[in-house]
């Protein structure tokens, strides 16, 4: 070419670029700003990771509830008096309340639902005419 080598041309370009864009002196404020950006970026990454962990943990299927074993059923037999008619049946405070109409009058029988035993019997004799 014209007597100059490529190496000389590159050196000339580098020198002229250094004159146009001299290296910038970086101070303490720049160092602090870079450190702050790095710390905040780390906190953002940790926060996003915790959010993902929370969503994944909530989406796990719920643990099944423990199986409750039913109490053995009572095998008590209760025989109604002859010609008795059941008027009402109700449940209150874990008790079964039967109101009966018998030939002798009215009767209220209260059974415990836990084990089926007769807890109380209330007799109301029929009024005489």
Protein backbone atom coordinates (compact mmCIF):
# COMPACT_ATOMS: atom_id res chain seq x y z
CA UNK A 1 0.00 0.00 0.00
CA UNK A 2 1.44 3.37 0.79
CA UNK A 3 4.31 2.23 2.95
CA UNK A 4 2.53 1.99 6.28
CA UNK A 5 1.74 -1.28 7.87
CA UNK A 6 -1.53 -2.39 9.37
CA UNK A 7 0.08 -2.36 12.78
CA UNK A 8 0.96 1.31 12.47
CA UNK A 9 -2.58 2.11 11.40
CA UNK A 10 -4.04 0.30 14.39
CA UNK A 11 -1.72 2.15 16.74
CA UNK A 12 -2.76 5.45 15.20
CA UNK A 13 -6.44 4.59 15.62
CA UNK A 14 -5.92 3.57 19.26
CA UNK A 15 -4.04 6.79 20.02
CA UNK A 16 -6.67 8.97 18.44
CA UNK A 17 -9.46 7.11 20.27
CA UNK A 18 -7.65 7.61 23.56
CA UNK A 19 -7.48 11.34 22.88
CA UNK A 20 -11.19 11.56 22.07
CA UNK A 21 -12.39 9.28 24.90
CA UNK A 22 -9.86 9.53 27.74
CA UNK A 23 -10.31 6.93 30.53
CA UNK A 24 -12.71 8.18 33.20
CA UNK A 25 -11.54 8.35 36.78
CA UNK A 26 -14.04 6.46 38.90
CA UNK A 27 -14.55 7.75 42.41
CA UNK A 28 -16.01 6.43 45.63
CA UNK A 29 -19.56 7.31 44.60
CA UNK A 30 -19.32 5.10 41.51
CA UNK A 31 -17.96 2.20 43.59
CA UNK A 32 -20.80 2.65 46.11
CA UNK A 33 -23.42 2.71 43.34
CA UNK A 34 -22.06 -0.49 41.77
CA UNK A 35 -22.01 -2.21 45.18
CA UNK A 36 -25.58 -1.07 45.84
CA UNK A 37 -26.77 -2.45 42.50
CA UNK A 38 -25.12 -5.81 43.22
CA UNK A 39 -26.65 -6.04 46.73
CA UNK A 40 -30.14 -5.07 45.55
CA UNK A 41 -29.97 -7.48 42.62
CA UNK A 42 -29.03 -10.28 45.01
CA UNK A 43 -31.97 -9.41 47.27
CA UNK A 44 -34.36 -9.43 44.30
CA UNK A 45 -33.13 -12.87 43.20
CA UNK A 46 -33.54 -14.23 46.76
CA UNK A 47 -37.05 -12.73 46.99
CA UNK A 48 -38.15 -14.26 43.69
CA UNK A 49 -36.74 -17.61 44.80
CA UNK A 50 -38.71 -17.44 48.07
CA UNK A 51 -41.90 -16.59 46.18
CA UNK A 52 -41.46 -19.59 43.90
CA UNK A 53 -40.75 -21.82 46.91
CA UNK A 54 -43.91 -20.55 48.64
CA UNK A 55 -46.10 -21.21 45.60
CA UNK A 56 -44.67 -24.70 45.16
CA UNK A 57 -45.16 -25.51 48.83
CA UNK A 58 -48.79 -24.40 48.77
CA UNK A 59 -49.51 -26.42 45.66
CA UNK A 60 -48.47 -29.68 47.34
CA UNK A 61 -51.44 -31.95 48.03
CA UNK A 62 -52.77 -31.73 51.54
CA UNK A 63 -51.86 -34.49 53.91
CA UNK A 64 -54.80 -36.83 54.48
CA UNK A 65 -56.58 -36.46 57.77
CA UNK A 66 -56.00 -39.25 60.27
CA UNK A 67 -58.54 -42.02 60.00
CA UNK A 68 -60.98 -42.03 62.86
CA UNK A 69 -61.98 -45.41 64.09
CA UNK A 70 -65.68 -45.56 64.86
CA UNK A 71 -66.70 -46.66 68.32
CA UNK A 72 -68.27 -50.07 68.46
CA UNK A 73 -71.99 -49.84 67.98
CA UNK A 74 -74.24 -50.54 70.91
CA UNK A 75 -76.16 -53.78 70.72
CA UNK A 76 -78.73 -52.94 73.36
CA UNK A 77 -82.29 -53.96 72.71
CA UNK A 78 -85.06 -51.79 74.02
CA UNK A 79 -88.57 -53.24 74.03
CA UNK A 80 -91.44 -50.79 73.96
CA UNK A 81 -94.31 -51.42 76.34
CA UNK A 82 -97.33 -53.12 74.80
CA UNK A 83 -99.52 -50.91 72.58
CA UNK A 84 -97.01 -48.05 72.81
CA UNK A 85 -96.99 -45.37 70.12
CA UNK A 86 -93.95 -43.18 69.47
CA UNK A 87 -95.10 -39.54 69.48
CA UNK A 88 -91.78 -37.69 69.03
CA UNK A 89 -88.12 -38.44 68.55
CA UNK A 90 -85.40 -35.82 69.09
CA UNK A 91 -81.67 -35.58 69.70
CA UNK A 92 -80.24 -33.13 72.22
CA UNK A 93 -76.80 -32.98 73.84
CA UNK A 94 -75.74 -36.44 72.67
CA UNK A 95 -79.02 -37.94 73.95
CA UNK A 96 -81.93 -39.53 72.10
CA UNK A 97 -85.30 -38.50 73.56
CA UNK A 98 -88.38 -40.65 72.80
CA UNK A 99 -91.86 -39.56 73.81
CA UNK A 100 -94.26 -42.51 73.96
CA UNK A 101 -98.00 -42.88 74.41
CA UNK A 102 -98.68 -46.08 76.35
CA UNK A 103 -101.78 -47.67 77.83
CA UNK A 104 -100.67 -46.38 81.26
CA UNK A 105 -100.12 -42.77 80.12
CA UNK A 106 -97.24 -40.88 78.58
CA UNK A 107 -93.60 -41.82 78.94
CA UNK A 108 -90.32 -40.08 78.02
CA UNK A 109 -87.27 -42.28 77.56
CA UNK A 110 -83.79 -40.72 77.30
CA UNK A 111 -80.95 -42.78 75.82
CA UNK A 112 -77.24 -41.97 75.85
CA UNK A 113 -75.95 -42.04 72.26
CA UNK A 114 -72.37 -42.91 73.27
CA UNK A 115 -73.16 -46.40 74.48
CA UNK A 116 -76.93 -46.77 73.97
CA UNK A 117 -77.98 -47.25 77.60
CA UNK A 118 -81.24 -45.92 79.01
CA UNK A 119 -80.20 -42.77 80.89
CA UNK A 120 -83.63 -41.81 82.27
CA UNK A 121 -87.31 -42.70 82.09
CA UNK A 122 -90.08 -40.26 82.98
CA UNK A 123 -93.58 -41.67 83.49
CA UNK A 124 -96.74 -39.55 83.42
CA UNK A 125 -99.76 -41.67 84.36
CA UNK A 126 -102.98 -41.17 82.42
CA UNK A 127 -105.52 -38.87 84.04
CA UNK A 128 -108.56 -40.67 85.46
CA UNK A 129 -111.91 -39.49 84.13
